[in-house]
Amino acid sequence: MHIHFKIRTSATSGKAFEFTSQLYFDDTLTDKVFAQAPYSAKGARTTRNTQDGIFKQGGSKLLLQVASAAAGYSSTFDIGLQIA
């Protein structure tokens, strides 16, 4: 399981830039989530991280370290973006 995200810069400061990527969850956590409603109604997972084409190209560097929180889970991930 992963989350897509996009970072855009403003064109008012010159040329606009756009960066799109994904953040991944450990398969063990994803299995726990998929075992709960409403995901459990969809049946078994069909893709694990090692089968994901983008994950195979360095996705392990985008794997979130997740902690349990009062209302679910929590994580942070620092992203640096250098604009040339």
PDB file of N, CA and C in Angstrom:
ATOM      1  N   MET A   1       0.860  -1.167   0.000  1.00  0.00           N
ATOM      2  CA  MET A   1       0.000   0.000   0.000  1.00  0.00           C
ATOM      3  C   MET A   1       0.904   1.228   0.000  1.00  0.00           C
ATOM      4  N   HIS A   2       0.474   2.253  -0.690  1.00  0.00           N
ATOM      5  CA  HIS A   2       1.262   3.479  -0.756  1.00  0.00           C
ATOM      6  C   HIS A   2       0.359   4.701  -0.871  1.00  0.00           C
ATOM      7  N   ILE A   3       0.974   5.852  -0.653  1.00  0.00           N
ATOM      8  CA  ILE A   3       0.297   7.141  -0.770  1.00  0.00           C
ATOM      9  C   ILE A   3       1.009   7.933  -1.859  1.00  0.00           C
ATOM     10  N   HIS A   4       0.264   8.464  -2.799  1.00  0.00           N
ATOM     11  CA  HIS A   4       0.839   9.364  -3.806  1.00  0.00           C
ATOM     12  C   HIS A   4       0.880  10.782  -3.251  1.00  0.00           C
ATOM     13  N   PHE A   5       1.925  11.530  -3.618  1.00  0.00           N
ATOM     14  CA  PHE A   5       1.976  12.940  -3.252  1.00  0.00           C
ATOM     15  C   PHE A   5       2.643  13.730  -4.364  1.00  0.00           C
ATOM     16  N   LYS A   6       2.369  15.021  -4.364  1.00  0.00           N
ATOM     17  CA  LYS A   6       2.884  15.923  -5.397  1.00  0.00           C
ATOM     18  C   LYS A   6       3.312  17.223  -4.729  1.00  0.00           C
ATOM     19  N   ILE A   7       4.462  17.745  -5.139  1.00  0.00           N
ATOM     20  CA  ILE A   7       4.954  19.043  -4.674  1.00  0.00           C
ATOM     21  C   ILE A   7       5.062  19.951  -5.894  1.00  0.00           C
ATOM     22  N   ARG A   8       4.480  21.138  -5.793  1.00  0.00           N
ATOM     23  CA  ARG A   8       4.527  22.109  -6.894  1.00  0.00           C
ATOM     24  C   ARG A   8       5.088  23.421  -6.385  1.00  0.00           C
ATOM     25  N   THR A   9       5.876  24.080  -7.222  1.00  0.00           N
ATOM     26  CA  THR A   9       6.349  25.422  -6.885  1.00  0.00           C
ATOM     27  C   THR A   9       5.505  26.432  -7.643  1.00  0.00           C
ATOM     28  N   SER A  10       5.535  27.640  -7.173  1.00  0.00           N
ATOM     29  CA  SER A  10       4.757  28.709  -7.786  1.00  0.00           C
ATOM     30  C   SER A  10       5.452  29.231  -9.035  1.00  0.00           C
ATOM     31  N   ALA A  11       4.682  29.475 -10.074  1.00  0.00           N
ATOM     32  CA  ALA A  11       5.233  30.039 -11.306  1.00  0.00           C
ATOM     33  C   ALA A  11       5.510  31.530 -11.167  1.00  0.00           C
ATOM     34  N   THR A  12       5.008  32.172 -10.115  1.00  0.00           N
ATOM     35  CA  THR A  12       5.228  33.610  -9.941  1.00  0.00           C
ATOM     36  C   THR A  12       6.684  33.927  -9.629  1.00  0.00           C
ATOM     37  N   SER A  13       7.438  32.931  -9.149  1.00  0.00           N
ATOM     38  CA  SER A  13       8.845  33.145  -8.822  1.00  0.00           C
ATOM     39  C   SER A  13       9.760  32.710  -9.961  1.00  0.00           C
ATOM     40  N   GLY A  14       9.223  32.526 -11.123  1.00  0.00           N
ATOM     41  CA  GLY A  14      10.001  32.056 -12.271  1.00  0.00           C
ATOM     42  C   GLY A  14       9.347  30.824 -12.844  1.00  0.00           C
ATOM     43  N   LYS A  15      10.164  29.874 -13.267  1.00  0.00           N
ATOM     44  CA  LYS A  15       9.646  28.640 -13.837  1.00  0.00           C
ATOM     45  C   LYS A  15       9.031  27.769 -12.738  1.00  0.00           C
ATOM     46  N   ALA A  16       7.855  27.202 -12.985  1.00  0.00           N
ATOM     47  CA  ALA A  16       7.193  26.311 -12.030  1.00  0.00           C
ATOM     48  C   ALA A  16       7.778  24.906 -12.162  1.00  0.00           C
ATOM     49  N   PHE A  17       7.909  24.218 -11.033  1.00  0.00           N
ATOM     50  CA  PHE A  17       8.399  22.848 -11.012  1.00  0.00           C
ATOM     51  C   PHE A  17       7.358  21.967 -10.346  1.00  0.00           C
ATOM     52  N   GLU A  18       7.403  20.680 -10.700  1.00  0.00           N
ATOM     53  CA  GLU A  18       6.470  19.730 -10.123  1.00  0.00           C
ATOM     54  C   GLU A  18       7.203  18.417  -9.869  1.00  0.00           C
ATOM     55  N   PHE A  19       6.963  17.822  -8.700  1.00  0.00           N
ATOM     56  CA  PHE A  19       7.581  16.559  -8.314  1.00  0.00           C
ATOM     57  C   PHE A  19       6.482  15.635  -7.796  1.00  0.00           C
ATOM     58  N   THR A  20       6.419  14.417  -8.331  1.00  0.00           N
ATOM     59  CA  THR A  20       5.420  13.438  -7.914  1.00  0.00           C
ATOM     60  C   THR A  20       6.133  12.176  -7.455  1.00  0.00           C
ATOM     61  N   SER A  21       5.670  11.602  -6.354  1.00  0.00           N
ATOM     62  CA  SER A  21       6.279  10.368  -5.855  1.00  0.00           C
ATOM     63  C   SER A  21       5.266   9.602  -5.011  1.00  0.00           C
ATOM     64  N   GLN A  22       5.746   8.576  -4.318  1.00  0.00           N
ATOM     65  CA  GLN A  22       4.907   7.726  -3.477  1.00  0.00           C
ATOM     66  C   GLN A  22       5.627   7.450  -2.169  1.00  0.00           C
ATOM     67  N   LEU A  23       4.871   7.276  -1.096  1.00  0.00           N
ATOM     68  CA  LEU A  23       5.392   6.831   0.188  1.00  0.00           C
ATOM     69  C   LEU A  23       4.760   5.475   0.469  1.00  0.00           C
ATOM     70  N   TYR A  24       5.571   4.538   0.942  1.00  0.00           N
ATOM     71  CA  TYR A  24       5.117   3.162   1.131  1.00  0.00           C
ATOM     72  C   TYR A  24       4.962   2.794   2.602  1.00  0.00           C
ATOM     73  N   PHE A  25       4.132   1.778   2.852  1.00  0.00           N
ATOM     74  CA  PHE A  25       3.950   1.194   4.165  1.00  0.00           C
ATOM     75  C   PHE A  25       4.523  -0.220   4.152  1.00  0.00           C
ATOM     76  N   ASP A  26       5.040  -0.649   5.292  1.00  0.00           N
ATOM     77  CA  ASP A  26       5.528  -2.019   5.433  1.00  0.00           C
ATOM     78  C   ASP A  26       4.378  -2.988   5.168  1.00  0.00           C
ATOM     79  N   ASP A  27       4.667  -4.103   4.521  1.00  0.00           N
ATOM     80  CA  ASP A  27       3.626  -5.080   4.192  1.00  0.00           C
ATOM     81  C   ASP A  27       2.909  -5.617   5.427  1.00  0.00           C
ATOM     82  N   THR A  28       3.606  -5.739   6.551  1.00  0.00           N
ATOM     83  CA  THR A  28       2.974  -6.230   7.778  1.00  0.00           C
ATOM     84  C   THR A  28       1.858  -5.295   8.228  1.00  0.00           C
ATOM     85  N   LEU A  29       2.108  -3.988   8.196  1.00  0.00           N
ATOM     86  CA  LEU A  29       1.080  -3.006   8.557  1.00  0.00           C
ATOM     87  C   LEU A  29      -0.058  -3.028   7.536  1.00  0.00           C
ATOM     88  N   THR A  30       0.286  -3.102   6.274  1.00  0.00           N
ATOM     89  CA  THR A  30      -0.740  -3.141   5.234  1.00  0.00           C
ATOM     90  C   THR A  30      -1.649  -4.358   5.420  1.00  0.00           C
ATOM     91  N   ASP A  31      -1.069  -5.496   5.787  1.00  0.00           N
ATOM     92  CA  ASP A  31      -1.880  -6.687   6.045  1.00  0.00           C
ATOM     93  C   ASP A  31      -2.873  -6.437   7.180  1.00  0.00           C
ATOM     94  N   LYS A  32      -2.436  -5.742   8.238  1.00  0.00           N
ATOM     95  CA  LYS A  32      -3.329  -5.423   9.363  1.00  0.00           C
ATOM     96  C   LYS A  32      -4.474  -4.524   8.906  1.00  0.00           C
ATOM     97  N   VAL A  33      -4.168  -3.536   8.085  1.00  0.00           N
ATOM     98  CA  VAL A  33      -5.193  -2.609   7.587  1.00  0.00           C
ATOM     99  C   VAL A  33      -6.182  -3.351   6.683  1.00  0.00           C
ATOM    100  N   PHE A  34      -5.677  -4.184   5.788  1.00  0.00           N
ATOM    101  CA  PHE A  34      -6.541  -4.902   4.856  1.00  0.00           C
ATOM    102  C   PHE A  34      -7.406  -5.953   5.546  1.00  0.00           C
ATOM    103  N   ALA A  35      -7.061  -6.327   6.776  1.00  0.00           N
ATOM    104  CA  ALA A  35      -7.868  -7.294   7.525  1.00  0.00           C
ATOM    105  C   ALA A  35      -9.071  -6.630   8.200  1.00  0.00           C
ATOM    106  N   GLN A  36      -9.130  -5.300   8.167  1.00  0.00           N
ATOM    107  CA  GLN A  36     -10.211  -4.561   8.812  1.00  0.00           C
ATOM    108  C   GLN A  36     -11.175  -3.995   7.762  1.00  0.00           C
ATOM    109  N   ALA A  37     -12.421  -3.769   8.204  1.00  0.00           N
ATOM    110  CA  ALA A  37     -13.421  -3.140   7.331  1.00  0.00           C
ATOM    111  C   ALA A  37     -13.011  -1.688   7.088  1.00  0.00           C
ATOM    112  N   PRO A  38     -13.259  -1.139   5.941  1.00  0.00           N
ATOM    113  CA  PRO A  38     -13.984  -1.718   4.811  1.00  0.00           C
ATOM    114  C   PRO A  38     -13.099  -2.505   3.855  1.00  0.00           C
ATOM    115  N   TYR A  39     -11.777  -2.486   4.076  1.00  0.00           N
ATOM    116  CA  TYR A  39     -10.854  -3.142   3.149  1.00  0.00           C
ATOM    117  C   TYR A  39     -11.047  -4.648   3.091  1.00  0.00           C
ATOM    118  N   SER A  40     -11.392  -5.279   4.215  1.00  0.00           N
ATOM    119  CA  SER A  40     -11.548  -6.737   4.261  1.00  0.00           C
ATOM    120  C   SER A  40     -12.650  -7.224   3.319  1.00  0.00           C
ATOM    121  N   ALA A  41     -13.622  -6.384   3.025  1.00  0.00           N
ATOM    122  CA  ALA A  41     -14.711  -6.758   2.119  1.00  0.00           C
ATOM    123  C   ALA A  41     -14.235  -6.897   0.673  1.00  0.00           C
ATOM    124  N   LYS A  42     -13.079  -6.322   0.364  1.00  0.00           N
ATOM    125  CA  LYS A  42     -12.553  -6.370  -1.008  1.00  0.00           C
ATOM    126  C   LYS A  42     -11.785  -7.651  -1.300  1.00  0.00           C
ATOM    127  N   GLY A  43     -11.539  -8.479  -0.284  1.00  0.00           N
ATOM    128  CA  GLY A  43     -10.796  -9.720  -0.490  1.00  0.00           C
ATOM    129  C   GLY A  43      -9.313  -9.532  -0.221  1.00  0.00           C
ATOM    130  N   ALA A  44      -8.556 -10.558  -0.523  1.00  0.00           N
ATOM    131  CA  ALA A  44      -7.123 -10.572  -0.239  1.00  0.00           C
ATOM    132  C   ALA A  44      -6.363  -9.570  -1.109  1.00  0.00           C
ATOM    133  N   ARG A  45      -5.262  -9.083  -0.556  1.00  0.00           N
ATOM    134  CA  ARG A  45      -4.381  -8.192  -1.324  1.00  0.00           C
ATOM    135  C   ARG A  45      -3.806  -8.944  -2.507  1.00  0.00           C
ATOM    136  N   THR A  46      -3.578  -8.218  -3.571  1.00  0.00           N
ATOM    137  CA  THR A  46      -2.997  -8.849  -4.760  1.00  0.00           C
ATOM    138  C   THR A  46      -1.570  -8.374  -5.037  1.00  0.00           C
ATOM    139  N   THR A  47      -1.141  -7.279  -4.425  1.00  0.00           N
ATOM    140  CA  THR A  47       0.195  -6.746  -4.684  1.00  0.00           C
ATOM    141  C   THR A  47       0.912  -6.434  -3.383  1.00  0.00           C
ATOM    142  N   ARG A  48       2.107  -6.980  -3.240  1.00  0.00           N
ATOM    143  CA  ARG A  48       2.966  -6.675  -2.102  1.00  0.00           C
ATOM    144  C   ARG A  48       4.046  -5.711  -2.594  1.00  0.00           C
ATOM    145  N   ASN A  49       4.750  -5.078  -1.677  1.00  0.00           N
ATOM    146  CA  ASN A  49       5.762  -4.096  -2.070  1.00  0.00           C
ATOM    147  C   ASN A  49       6.773  -4.668  -3.066  1.00  0.00           C
ATOM    148  N   THR A  50       7.224  -5.897  -2.836  1.00  0.00           N
ATOM    149  CA  THR A  50       8.240  -6.489  -3.719  1.00  0.00           C
ATOM    150  C   THR A  50       7.723  -6.755  -5.120  1.00  0.00           C
ATOM    151  N   GLN A  51       6.403  -6.691  -5.302  1.00  0.00           N
ATOM    152  CA  GLN A  51       5.809  -6.883  -6.628  1.00  0.00           C
ATOM    153  C   GLN A  51       5.478  -5.557  -7.307  1.00  0.00           C
ATOM    154  N   ASP A  52       5.606  -4.451  -6.585  1.00  0.00           N
ATOM    155  CA  ASP A  52       5.288  -3.127  -7.108  1.00  0.00           C
ATOM    156  C   ASP A  52       6.465  -2.625  -7.949  1.00  0.00           C
ATOM    157  N   GLY A  53       6.206  -2.310  -9.204  1.00  0.00           N
ATOM    158  CA  GLY A  53       7.265  -1.882 -10.123  1.00  0.00           C
ATOM    159  C   GLY A  53       8.018  -0.654  -9.651  1.00  0.00           C
ATOM    160  N   ILE A  54       7.334   0.308  -9.076  1.00  0.00           N
ATOM    161  CA  ILE A  54       7.999   1.526  -8.603  1.00  0.00           C
ATOM    162  C   ILE A  54       8.781   1.241  -7.324  1.00  0.00           C
ATOM    163  N   PHE A  55       8.235   0.421  -6.441  1.00  0.00           N
ATOM    164  CA  PHE A  55       8.953   0.050  -5.222  1.00  0.00           C
ATOM    165  C   PHE A  55      10.268  -0.638  -5.574  1.00  0.00           C
ATOM    166  N   LYS A  56      10.260  -1.457  -6.621  1.00  0.00           N
ATOM    167  CA  LYS A  56      11.469  -2.155  -7.058  1.00  0.00           C
ATOM    168  C   LYS A  56      12.566  -1.178  -7.493  1.00  0.00           C
ATOM    169  N   GLN A  57      12.194   0.046  -7.855  1.00  0.00           N
ATOM    170  CA  GLN A  57      13.148   1.049  -8.342  1.00  0.00           C
ATOM    171  C   GLN A  57      13.578   2.014  -7.234  1.00  0.00           C
ATOM    172  N   GLY A  58      13.623   1.555  -5.999  1.00  0.00           N
ATOM    173  CA  GLY A  58      14.086   2.405  -4.901  1.00  0.00           C
ATOM    174  C   GLY A  58      13.019   2.775  -3.903  1.00  0.00           C
ATOM    175  N   GLY A  59      11.876   2.146  -3.984  1.00  0.00           N
ATOM    176  CA  GLY A  59      10.789   2.452  -3.074  1.00  0.00           C
ATOM    177  C   GLY A  59      11.116   2.179  -1.616  1.00  0.00           C
ATOM    178  N   SER A  60      12.072   1.303  -1.367  1.00  0.00           N
ATOM    179  CA  SER A  60      12.445   1.014   0.015  1.00  0.00           C
ATOM    180  C   SER A  60      12.990   2.261   0.716  1.00  0.00           C
ATOM    181  N   LYS A  61      13.486   3.223  -0.049  1.00  0.00           N
ATOM    182  CA  LYS A  61      13.961   4.494   0.519  1.00  0.00           C
ATOM    183  C   LYS A  61      12.789   5.405   0.897  1.00  0.00           C
ATOM    184  N   LEU A  62      11.597   5.063   0.426  1.00  0.00           N
ATOM    185  CA  LEU A  62      10.393   5.847   0.692  1.00  0.00           C
ATOM    186  C   LEU A  62       9.430   5.096   1.616  1.00  0.00           C
ATOM    187  N   LEU A  63       9.975   4.154   2.396  1.00  0.00           N
ATOM    188  CA  LEU A  63       9.182   3.357   3.314  1.00  0.00           C
ATOM    189  C   LEU A  63       8.987   4.120   4.612  1.00  0.00           C
ATOM    190  N   LEU A  64       7.726   4.343   4.978  1.00  0.00           N
ATOM    191  CA  LEU A  64       7.406   5.091   6.194  1.00  0.00           C
ATOM    192  C   LEU A  64       7.647   4.255   7.447  1.00  0.00           C
ATOM    193  N   GLN A  65       8.196   4.877   8.477  1.00  0.00           N
ATOM    194  CA  GLN A  65       8.314   4.257   9.797  1.00  0.00           C
ATOM    195  C   GLN A  65       7.072   4.705  10.571  1.00  0.00           C
ATOM    196  N   VAL A  66       6.159   3.795  10.806  1.00  0.00           N
ATOM    197  CA  VAL A  66       4.848   4.119  11.358  1.00  0.00           C
ATOM    198  C   VAL A  66       4.780   3.732  12.841  1.00  0.00           C
ATOM    199  N   ALA A  67       4.154   4.591  13.630  1.00  0.00           N
ATOM    200  CA  ALA A  67       3.925   4.332  15.048  1.00  0.00           C
ATOM    201  C   ALA A  67       2.426   4.324  15.316  1.00  0.00           C
ATOM    202  N   SER A  68       2.013   3.536  16.296  1.00  0.00           N
ATOM    203  CA  SER A  68       0.603   3.538  16.701  1.00  0.00           C
ATOM    204  C   SER A  68       0.276   4.875  17.339  1.00  0.00           C
ATOM    205  N   ALA A  69      -0.913   5.376  17.067  1.00  0.00           N
ATOM    206  CA  ALA A  69      -1.390   6.640  17.630  1.00  0.00           C
ATOM    207  C   ALA A  69      -2.799   6.407  18.177  1.00  0.00           C
ATOM    208  N   ALA A  70      -3.312   7.376  18.910  1.00  0.00           N
ATOM    209  CA  ALA A  70      -4.630   7.242  19.542  1.00  0.00           C
ATOM    210  C   ALA A  70      -5.731   6.886  18.546  1.00  0.00           C
ATOM    211  N   ALA A  71      -5.717   7.495  17.388  1.00  0.00           N
ATOM    212  CA  ALA A  71      -6.792   7.275  16.416  1.00  0.00           C
ATOM    213  C   ALA A  71      -6.331   6.455  15.222  1.00  0.00           C
ATOM    214  N   GLY A  72      -5.232   5.714  15.348  1.00  0.00           N
ATOM    215  CA  GLY A  72      -4.755   4.923  14.220  1.00  0.00           C
ATOM    216  C   GLY A  72      -3.243   4.845  14.197  1.00  0.00           C
ATOM    217  N   TYR A  73      -2.645   5.488  13.213  1.00  0.00           N
ATOM    218  CA  TYR A  73      -1.204   5.448  13.030  1.00  0.00           C
ATOM    219  C   TYR A  73      -0.670   6.850  12.738  1.00  0.00           C
ATOM    220  N   SER A  74       0.642   7.003  12.968  1.00  0.00           N
ATOM    221  CA  SER A  74       1.277   8.296  12.748  1.00  0.00           C
ATOM    222  C   SER A  74       2.660   8.078  12.144  1.00  0.00           C
ATOM    223  N   SER A  75       3.072   9.005  11.270  1.00  0.00           N
ATOM    224  CA  SER A  75       4.396   8.924  10.671  1.00  0.00           C
ATOM    225  C   SER A  75       4.804  10.292  10.150  1.00  0.00           C
ATOM    226  N   THR A  76       6.093  10.505  10.043  1.00  0.00           N
ATOM    227  CA  THR A  76       6.624  11.698   9.386  1.00  0.00           C
ATOM    228  C   THR A  76       7.682  11.260   8.395  1.00  0.00           C
ATOM    229  N   PHE A  77       7.892  12.064   7.371  1.00  0.00           N
ATOM    230  CA  PHE A  77       8.886  11.770   6.359  1.00  0.00           C
ATOM    231  C   PHE A  77       9.399  13.088   5.819  1.00  0.00           C
ATOM    232  N   ASP A  78      10.689  13.370   5.996  1.00  0.00           N
ATOM    233  CA  ASP A  78      11.273  14.614   5.498  1.00  0.00           C
ATOM    234  C   ASP A  78      11.571  14.494   4.015  1.00  0.00           C
ATOM    235  N   ILE A  79      11.211  15.545   3.282  1.00  0.00           N
ATOM    236  CA  ILE A  79      11.451  15.571   1.839  1.00  0.00           C
ATOM    237  C   ILE A  79      12.184  16.871   1.520  1.00  0.00           C
ATOM    238  N   GLY A  80      13.321  16.743   0.857  1.00  0.00           N
ATOM    239  CA  GLY A  80      14.052  17.912   0.396  1.00  0.00           C
ATOM    240  C   GLY A  80      13.900  18.037  -1.102  1.00  0.00           C
ATOM    241  N   LEU A  81      13.681  19.240  -1.569  1.00  0.00           N
ATOM    242  CA  LEU A  81      13.479  19.474  -2.997  1.00  0.00           C
ATOM    243  C   LEU A  81      14.396  20.607  -3.421  1.00  0.00           C
ATOM    244  N   GLN A  82      15.342  20.298  -4.289  1.00  0.00           N
ATOM    245  CA  GLN A  82      16.256  21.317  -4.792  1.00  0.00           C
ATOM    246  C   GLN A  82      15.776  21.749  -6.172  1.00  0.00           C
ATOM    247  N   ILE A  83      15.536  23.042  -6.318  1.00  0.00           N
ATOM    248  CA  ILE A  83      15.055  23.574  -7.575  1.00  0.00           C
ATOM    249  C   ILE A  83      16.235  24.202  -8.296  1.00  0.00           C
ATOM    250  N   ALA A  84      16.512  23.691  -9.465  1.00  0.00           N
ATOM    251  CA  ALA A  84      17.662  24.186 -10.234  1.00  0.00           C
ATOM    252  C   ALA A  84      17.333  25.436 -10.993  1.00  0.00           C
TER     253      ALA A  84
END
